Every structure is written in structure tokens, then in C-alpha cells.
Amino acid sequence: MNRPIRVLVAKVGLDGHDRGAKVIASALRDEGMEVIYTGLRQTPEMVVQAAIQEDVDVIGVSILSGAHNTVFPRILDLLKEKGIEDVLLTGGGIIPDSDVEHLNGLGVAKLFPPGTDTKEIAAYLRLWVANHRTF
């Protein structure tokens, strides 16, 4: 039997607004996923280390601070340094469309703006895992 999808929900940097991250974490749990919430003020290094320790399928970063063009590339770099190619990096928050396109071009998956239906997010994660999980 396949194990449930494992998702790490992270808040990186000094952004102290975690209501959205908690809503997402709860909604994904309701969808049958295992969710690990890192809490506030994580570094990209802490997020990647937690992702490795928890053997997650997905890292979801909630970001409202405007640091998305620093945080996402740093997490991608750390994943590459560790040889991790089978973890989806996604997230959401207030990210301008032009920055979304740039981040997608770097390898960040779909980014979800505030107000996205949580069922849409869960469906996206399920589809990605179904197409990329190797066991």
C-alpha cells in the first residue's frame, strides 16, 4: 500500500503571519496527507534539513514578506546540493506574476495566490506525486 503524501509546510524568514500556512496544513491533513508544519522563522537550511529528516514529497513555502526571490532559489540550491530531485517545491503568498514566472523558470512549481481553493492545491499535489513518486 502506498504511503500518504507527505508535505512540509514552512514559513521562512521574519514573516510572522502564519494563519494561511496553518489553514493549508489543516486542509491538506483533511485531504489525507501527512503534514509537517515547521513553525515561524525558519531558514532555507532548516527547511531542507527538515524535508530530508521527514522524507517529504512536497515542500510548501508560505511567504508574505517579499523575500520570495531569495527564499525559493536558496531552497532549490540546497536541494540540488543535497542531490534531492524528487521533492516538489511549491508555495504561496503574495508574489507578483512576473516573479512567479521567474521562479517557475528556475524550477519552482506552481505558486498559489491567497484565496486559492485548498482542494485545487491538494489536487495539484496528488497529480504531481502520482507522476513523480518512484516507489
N, C-alpha and C. Protein backbone atom coordinates (compact mmCIF):
# COMPACT_ATOMS: atom_id res chain seq x y z
N MET A 1 0.85 -1.19 0.00
CA MET A 1 0.00 0.00 0.00
C MET A 1 0.89 1.25 0.00
N ASN A 2 0.54 2.21 -0.80
CA ASN A 2 1.31 3.45 -0.86
C ASN A 2 1.14 4.27 0.41
N ARG A 3 2.20 4.89 0.81
CA ARG A 3 2.11 5.76 1.98
C ARG A 3 1.44 7.07 1.57
N PRO A 4 0.88 7.77 2.54
CA PRO A 4 0.25 9.07 2.22
C PRO A 4 1.28 10.07 1.71
N ILE A 5 0.81 11.05 1.00
CA ILE A 5 1.67 12.14 0.56
C ILE A 5 2.12 12.89 1.80
N ARG A 6 3.42 13.18 1.85
CA ARG A 6 3.99 13.89 2.99
C ARG A 6 4.38 15.29 2.54
N VAL A 7 3.86 16.29 3.25
CA VAL A 7 4.05 17.69 2.88
C VAL A 7 4.67 18.44 4.06
N LEU A 8 5.74 19.18 3.76
CA LEU A 8 6.34 20.08 4.75
C LEU A 8 5.85 21.48 4.44
N VAL A 9 5.14 22.09 5.36
CA VAL A 9 4.67 23.47 5.21
C VAL A 9 5.60 24.35 6.03
N ALA A 10 6.21 25.34 5.36
CA ALA A 10 7.25 26.13 6.00
C ALA A 10 6.98 27.63 5.91
N LYS A 11 7.39 28.33 6.95
CA LYS A 11 7.42 29.80 6.98
C LYS A 11 8.88 30.19 7.14
N VAL A 12 9.42 30.84 6.12
CA VAL A 12 10.85 31.17 6.10
C VAL A 12 11.05 32.66 6.36
N GLY A 13 12.07 32.97 7.12
CA GLY A 13 12.43 34.36 7.36
C GLY A 13 11.65 34.99 8.49
N LEU A 14 11.56 36.31 8.45
CA LEU A 14 10.96 37.06 9.55
C LEU A 14 9.46 37.26 9.44
N ASP A 15 8.87 36.73 8.38
CA ASP A 15 7.42 36.82 8.17
C ASP A 15 6.72 36.11 9.33
N GLY A 16 5.96 36.85 10.11
CA GLY A 16 5.30 36.29 11.28
C GLY A 16 3.84 35.96 11.09
N HIS A 17 3.35 36.03 9.87
CA HIS A 17 1.94 35.78 9.60
C HIS A 17 1.77 34.33 9.14
N ASP A 18 1.25 33.48 10.02
CA ASP A 18 1.18 32.07 9.68
C ASP A 18 -0.24 31.51 9.59
N ARG A 19 -1.23 32.38 9.59
CA ARG A 19 -2.60 31.89 9.51
C ARG A 19 -2.84 31.08 8.23
N GLY A 20 -2.37 31.61 7.10
CA GLY A 20 -2.56 30.91 5.83
C GLY A 20 -1.86 29.56 5.81
N ALA A 21 -0.65 29.51 6.35
CA ALA A 21 0.10 28.25 6.40
C ALA A 21 -0.65 27.23 7.24
N LYS A 22 -1.22 27.68 8.35
CA LYS A 22 -1.97 26.76 9.21
C LYS A 22 -3.25 26.29 8.54
N VAL A 23 -3.91 27.17 7.79
CA VAL A 23 -5.11 26.78 7.05
C VAL A 23 -4.76 25.71 6.02
N ILE A 24 -3.68 25.94 5.28
CA ILE A 24 -3.23 24.97 4.27
C ILE A 24 -2.87 23.65 4.93
N ALA A 25 -2.11 23.71 6.01
CA ALA A 25 -1.72 22.48 6.70
C ALA A 25 -2.95 21.68 7.14
N SER A 26 -3.91 22.35 7.71
CA SER A 26 -5.13 21.68 8.16
C SER A 26 -5.92 21.10 6.98
N ALA A 27 -6.04 21.88 5.92
CA ALA A 27 -6.79 21.42 4.74
C ALA A 27 -6.13 20.20 4.10
N LEU A 28 -4.81 20.20 4.02
CA LEU A 28 -4.12 19.06 3.42
C LEU A 28 -4.23 17.82 4.31
N ARG A 29 -4.24 18.02 5.62
CA ARG A 29 -4.48 16.90 6.54
C ARG A 29 -5.88 16.33 6.31
N ASP A 30 -6.85 17.23 6.15
CA ASP A 30 -8.23 16.80 5.89
C ASP A 30 -8.33 16.02 4.58
N GLU A 31 -7.40 16.27 3.66
CA GLU A 31 -7.35 15.57 2.37
C GLU A 31 -6.57 14.26 2.46
N GLY A 32 -6.15 13.89 3.67
CA GLY A 32 -5.49 12.61 3.88
C GLY A 32 -3.97 12.65 3.76
N MET A 33 -3.40 13.83 3.68
CA MET A 33 -1.95 13.95 3.58
C MET A 33 -1.34 14.08 4.97
N GLU A 34 -0.10 13.65 5.09
CA GLU A 34 0.65 13.86 6.32
C GLU A 34 1.33 15.21 6.19
N VAL A 35 1.13 16.08 7.16
CA VAL A 35 1.66 17.43 7.08
C VAL A 35 2.56 17.71 8.27
N ILE A 36 3.73 18.23 7.98
CA ILE A 36 4.66 18.69 9.00
C ILE A 36 4.74 20.19 8.85
N TYR A 37 4.40 20.91 9.90
CA TYR A 37 4.47 22.38 9.87
C TYR A 37 5.69 22.81 10.67
N THR A 38 6.58 23.57 10.05
CA THR A 38 7.84 23.94 10.69
C THR A 38 7.72 25.02 11.73
N GLY A 39 6.65 25.79 11.67
CA GLY A 39 6.55 26.95 12.54
C GLY A 39 7.22 28.15 11.90
N LEU A 40 7.25 29.24 12.62
CA LEU A 40 7.76 30.51 12.10
C LEU A 40 9.28 30.59 12.10
N ARG A 41 9.76 31.53 11.32
CA ARG A 41 11.16 31.99 11.32
C ARG A 41 12.18 30.90 11.01
N GLN A 42 11.88 30.08 10.02
CA GLN A 42 12.81 29.05 9.58
C GLN A 42 13.78 29.62 8.55
N THR A 43 14.93 29.02 8.44
CA THR A 43 15.89 29.37 7.38
C THR A 43 15.71 28.35 6.25
N PRO A 44 16.14 28.69 5.05
CA PRO A 44 16.10 27.68 3.98
C PRO A 44 16.84 26.40 4.37
N GLU A 45 17.95 26.54 5.06
CA GLU A 45 18.71 25.36 5.51
C GLU A 45 17.89 24.49 6.45
N MET A 46 17.17 25.12 7.37
CA MET A 46 16.32 24.37 8.30
C MET A 46 15.20 23.66 7.56
N VAL A 47 14.64 24.32 6.56
CA VAL A 47 13.54 23.73 5.79
C VAL A 47 14.03 22.49 5.04
N VAL A 48 15.16 22.61 4.37
CA VAL A 48 15.68 21.47 3.60
C VAL A 48 16.07 20.33 4.54
N GLN A 49 16.68 20.65 5.66
CA GLN A 49 17.04 19.61 6.62
C GLN A 49 15.79 18.90 7.14
N ALA A 50 14.75 19.64 7.46
CA ALA A 50 13.50 19.03 7.92
C ALA A 50 12.89 18.16 6.82
N ALA A 51 12.95 18.63 5.58
CA ALA A 51 12.41 17.86 4.46
C ALA A 51 13.13 16.52 4.32
N ILE A 52 14.44 16.53 4.52
CA ILE A 52 15.21 15.29 4.45
C ILE A 52 14.85 14.37 5.61
N GLN A 53 14.83 14.93 6.81
CA GLN A 53 14.54 14.12 8.00
C GLN A 53 13.14 13.52 7.95
N GLU A 54 12.19 14.26 7.41
CA GLU A 54 10.80 13.81 7.38
C GLU A 54 10.45 13.03 6.11
N ASP A 55 11.41 12.93 5.18
CA ASP A 55 11.21 12.18 3.93
C ASP A 55 9.93 12.63 3.21
N VAL A 56 9.85 13.94 2.95
CA VAL A 56 8.64 14.51 2.36
C VAL A 56 8.65 14.41 0.84
N ASP A 57 7.46 14.48 0.28
CA ASP A 57 7.26 14.54 -1.16
C ASP A 57 7.22 15.99 -1.64
N VAL A 58 6.76 16.88 -0.75
CA VAL A 58 6.48 18.27 -1.12
C VAL A 58 6.98 19.20 -0.04
N ILE A 59 7.61 20.30 -0.48
CA ILE A 59 7.88 21.44 0.41
C ILE A 59 6.98 22.57 -0.07
N GLY A 60 6.15 23.07 0.82
CA GLY A 60 5.29 24.20 0.51
C GLY A 60 5.69 25.38 1.38
N VAL A 61 6.13 26.45 0.75
CA VAL A 61 6.58 27.63 1.48
C VAL A 61 5.50 28.70 1.40
N SER A 62 5.07 29.17 2.55
CA SER A 62 4.13 30.29 2.64
C SER A 62 4.94 31.54 2.87
N ILE A 63 4.77 32.52 1.97
CA ILE A 63 5.61 33.71 2.07
C ILE A 63 4.81 34.97 1.76
N LEU A 64 4.85 35.89 2.68
CA LEU A 64 4.16 37.17 2.52
C LEU A 64 5.12 38.34 2.67
N SER A 65 6.39 38.05 2.92
CA SER A 65 7.34 39.07 3.28
C SER A 65 8.00 39.78 2.10
N GLY A 66 7.82 39.26 0.90
CA GLY A 66 8.50 39.82 -0.26
C GLY A 66 9.87 39.22 -0.51
N ALA A 67 10.26 38.23 0.27
CA ALA A 67 11.58 37.62 0.13
C ALA A 67 11.57 36.39 -0.78
N HIS A 68 10.50 36.23 -1.55
CA HIS A 68 10.36 35.02 -2.37
C HIS A 68 11.49 34.85 -3.38
N ASN A 69 12.03 35.94 -3.92
CA ASN A 69 13.11 35.82 -4.91
C ASN A 69 14.45 35.45 -4.28
N THR A 70 14.51 35.44 -2.98
CA THR A 70 15.69 34.98 -2.26
C THR A 70 15.45 33.58 -1.69
N VAL A 71 14.29 33.38 -1.08
CA VAL A 71 13.99 32.14 -0.37
C VAL A 71 13.88 30.94 -1.32
N PHE A 72 13.06 31.05 -2.34
CA PHE A 72 12.85 29.91 -3.23
C PHE A 72 14.13 29.48 -3.94
N PRO A 73 14.91 30.41 -4.53
CA PRO A 73 16.16 29.98 -5.17
C PRO A 73 17.14 29.33 -4.19
N ARG A 74 17.19 29.84 -2.97
CA ARG A 74 18.10 29.25 -1.97
C ARG A 74 17.67 27.82 -1.63
N ILE A 75 16.38 27.59 -1.46
CA ILE A 75 15.91 26.23 -1.18
C ILE A 75 16.21 25.32 -2.37
N LEU A 76 15.98 25.80 -3.59
CA LEU A 76 16.31 25.00 -4.78
C LEU A 76 17.80 24.64 -4.79
N ASP A 77 18.66 25.62 -4.52
CA ASP A 77 20.10 25.38 -4.50
C ASP A 77 20.47 24.33 -3.46
N LEU A 78 19.88 24.42 -2.29
CA LEU A 78 20.18 23.46 -1.23
C LEU A 78 19.70 22.06 -1.60
N LEU A 79 18.54 21.96 -2.21
CA LEU A 79 18.04 20.65 -2.66
C LEU A 79 19.00 20.05 -3.68
N LYS A 80 19.46 20.87 -4.61
CA LYS A 80 20.41 20.38 -5.63
C LYS A 80 21.72 19.95 -4.99
N GLU A 81 22.21 20.75 -4.04
CA GLU A 81 23.47 20.41 -3.34
C GLU A 81 23.37 19.07 -2.64
N LYS A 82 22.19 18.76 -2.12
CA LYS A 82 21.97 17.50 -1.40
C LYS A 82 21.60 16.36 -2.33
N GLY A 83 21.48 16.65 -3.63
CA GLY A 83 21.12 15.61 -4.60
C GLY A 83 19.66 15.20 -4.54
N ILE A 84 18.83 16.08 -4.05
CA ILE A 84 17.40 15.77 -3.92
C ILE A 84 16.66 16.29 -5.15
N GLU A 85 16.16 15.36 -5.94
CA GLU A 85 15.48 15.73 -7.18
C GLU A 85 14.03 15.29 -7.20
N ASP A 86 13.59 14.62 -6.15
CA ASP A 86 12.24 14.05 -6.15
C ASP A 86 11.31 14.72 -5.14
N VAL A 87 11.62 15.95 -4.78
CA VAL A 87 10.76 16.71 -3.86
C VAL A 87 10.25 17.95 -4.60
N LEU A 88 8.95 18.12 -4.60
CA LEU A 88 8.31 19.27 -5.23
C LEU A 88 8.47 20.50 -4.34
N LEU A 89 8.94 21.60 -4.92
CA LEU A 89 9.00 22.87 -4.19
C LEU A 89 7.90 23.77 -4.74
N THR A 90 6.95 24.06 -3.90
CA THR A 90 5.82 24.91 -4.26
C THR A 90 5.58 25.88 -3.13
N GLY A 91 4.53 26.65 -3.23
CA GLY A 91 4.22 27.57 -2.15
C GLY A 91 3.14 28.54 -2.54
N GLY A 92 3.03 29.56 -1.74
CA GLY A 92 2.01 30.55 -2.00
C GLY A 92 2.23 31.77 -1.15
N GLY A 93 1.42 32.76 -1.46
CA GLY A 93 1.52 34.03 -0.76
C GLY A 93 1.37 35.16 -1.74
N ILE A 94 1.86 36.30 -1.34
CA ILE A 94 1.76 37.48 -2.19
C ILE A 94 3.03 37.57 -3.02
N ILE A 95 2.90 37.10 -4.27
CA ILE A 95 4.03 37.06 -5.19
C ILE A 95 3.57 37.63 -6.52
N PRO A 96 4.17 38.72 -6.99
CA PRO A 96 3.77 39.31 -8.27
C PRO A 96 3.90 38.30 -9.43
N ASP A 97 3.01 38.42 -10.41
CA ASP A 97 3.00 37.50 -11.54
C ASP A 97 4.36 37.40 -12.23
N SER A 98 5.04 38.53 -12.39
CA SER A 98 6.34 38.50 -13.07
C SER A 98 7.36 37.69 -12.25
N ASP A 99 7.26 37.76 -10.94
CA ASP A 99 8.16 36.98 -10.09
C ASP A 99 7.78 35.50 -10.13
N VAL A 100 6.48 35.21 -10.22
CA VAL A 100 6.04 33.82 -10.34
C VAL A 100 6.66 33.19 -11.58
N GLU A 101 6.58 33.90 -12.70
CA GLU A 101 7.16 33.38 -13.95
C GLU A 101 8.66 33.14 -13.79
N HIS A 102 9.36 34.08 -13.18
CA HIS A 102 10.80 33.93 -12.95
C HIS A 102 11.08 32.70 -12.09
N LEU A 103 10.36 32.55 -10.99
CA LEU A 103 10.59 31.42 -10.09
C LEU A 103 10.24 30.09 -10.76
N ASN A 104 9.17 30.07 -11.53
CA ASN A 104 8.82 28.86 -12.27
C ASN A 104 9.95 28.48 -13.23
N GLY A 105 10.54 29.48 -13.85
CA GLY A 105 11.65 29.24 -14.76
C GLY A 105 12.88 28.65 -14.08
N LEU A 106 13.03 28.94 -12.80
CA LEU A 106 14.15 28.39 -12.03
C LEU A 106 13.90 26.95 -11.59
N GLY A 107 12.63 26.55 -11.59
CA GLY A 107 12.29 25.20 -11.16
C GLY A 107 11.31 25.11 -10.01
N VAL A 108 10.83 26.26 -9.55
CA VAL A 108 9.79 26.24 -8.51
C VAL A 108 8.48 25.86 -9.21
N ALA A 109 7.73 24.98 -8.59
CA ALA A 109 6.47 24.52 -9.17
C ALA A 109 5.40 25.62 -9.06
N LYS A 110 4.19 25.24 -9.35
CA LYS A 110 3.07 26.18 -9.31
C LYS A 110 3.03 26.90 -7.96
N LEU A 111 2.80 28.20 -8.02
CA LEU A 111 2.67 29.02 -6.81
C LEU A 111 1.23 29.50 -6.70
N PHE A 112 0.68 29.40 -5.51
CA PHE A 112 -0.73 29.65 -5.30
C PHE A 112 -0.96 30.99 -4.60
N PRO A 113 -1.75 31.88 -5.20
CA PRO A 113 -2.03 33.17 -4.56
C PRO A 113 -3.04 33.02 -3.42
N PRO A 114 -3.14 34.02 -2.56
CA PRO A 114 -4.13 33.98 -1.49
C PRO A 114 -5.52 33.76 -2.08
N GLY A 115 -6.31 32.98 -1.39
CA GLY A 115 -7.68 32.71 -1.82
C GLY A 115 -7.84 31.49 -2.70
N THR A 116 -6.73 30.83 -3.05
CA THR A 116 -6.82 29.62 -3.86
C THR A 116 -7.58 28.56 -3.08
N ASP A 117 -8.50 27.87 -3.75
CA ASP A 117 -9.26 26.78 -3.13
C ASP A 117 -8.28 25.69 -2.69
N THR A 118 -8.38 25.27 -1.45
CA THR A 118 -7.45 24.27 -0.94
C THR A 118 -7.59 22.93 -1.67
N LYS A 119 -8.75 22.64 -2.19
CA LYS A 119 -8.94 21.41 -2.96
C LYS A 119 -8.12 21.45 -4.25
N GLU A 120 -7.97 22.64 -4.84
CA GLU A 120 -7.13 22.79 -6.03
C GLU A 120 -5.67 22.49 -5.69
N ILE A 121 -5.23 22.97 -4.54
CA ILE A 121 -3.85 22.72 -4.12
C ILE A 121 -3.65 21.22 -3.88
N ALA A 122 -4.58 20.60 -3.17
CA ALA A 122 -4.47 19.16 -2.89
C ALA A 122 -4.47 18.36 -4.19
N ALA A 123 -5.30 18.72 -5.13
CA ALA A 123 -5.35 18.00 -6.42
C ALA A 123 -4.03 18.15 -7.17
N TYR A 124 -3.46 19.34 -7.15
CA TYR A 124 -2.17 19.57 -7.80
C TYR A 124 -1.08 18.70 -7.17
N LEU A 125 -1.04 18.65 -5.85
CA LEU A 125 -0.03 17.84 -5.17
C LEU A 125 -0.22 16.36 -5.47
N ARG A 126 -1.46 15.89 -5.45
CA ARG A 126 -1.73 14.48 -5.76
C ARG A 126 -1.26 14.12 -7.17
N LEU A 127 -1.56 14.97 -8.13
CA LEU A 127 -1.18 14.71 -9.51
C LEU A 127 0.35 14.69 -9.64
N TRP A 128 1.02 15.65 -9.03
CA TRP A 128 2.49 15.69 -9.12
C TRP A 128 3.09 14.43 -8.52
N VAL A 129 2.63 14.06 -7.34
CA VAL A 129 3.19 12.87 -6.66
C VAL A 129 2.90 11.63 -7.48
N ALA A 130 1.70 11.50 -8.02
CA ALA A 130 1.36 10.33 -8.84
C ALA A 130 2.28 10.22 -10.05
N ASN A 131 2.70 11.34 -10.60
CA ASN A 131 3.56 11.33 -11.78
C ASN A 131 5.05 11.27 -11.47
N HIS A 132 5.44 11.51 -10.21
CA HIS A 132 6.86 11.59 -9.89
C HIS A 132 7.35 10.64 -8.79
N ARG A 133 6.46 10.08 -8.01
CA ARG A 133 6.91 9.18 -6.95
C ARG A 133 7.48 7.92 -7.59
N THR A 134 8.62 7.50 -7.12
CA THR A 134 9.31 6.39 -7.76
C THR A 134 9.20 5.07 -6.99
N PHE A 135 8.38 5.03 -5.98
CA PHE A 135 8.24 3.75 -5.24
C PHE A 135 6.79 3.41 -5.07
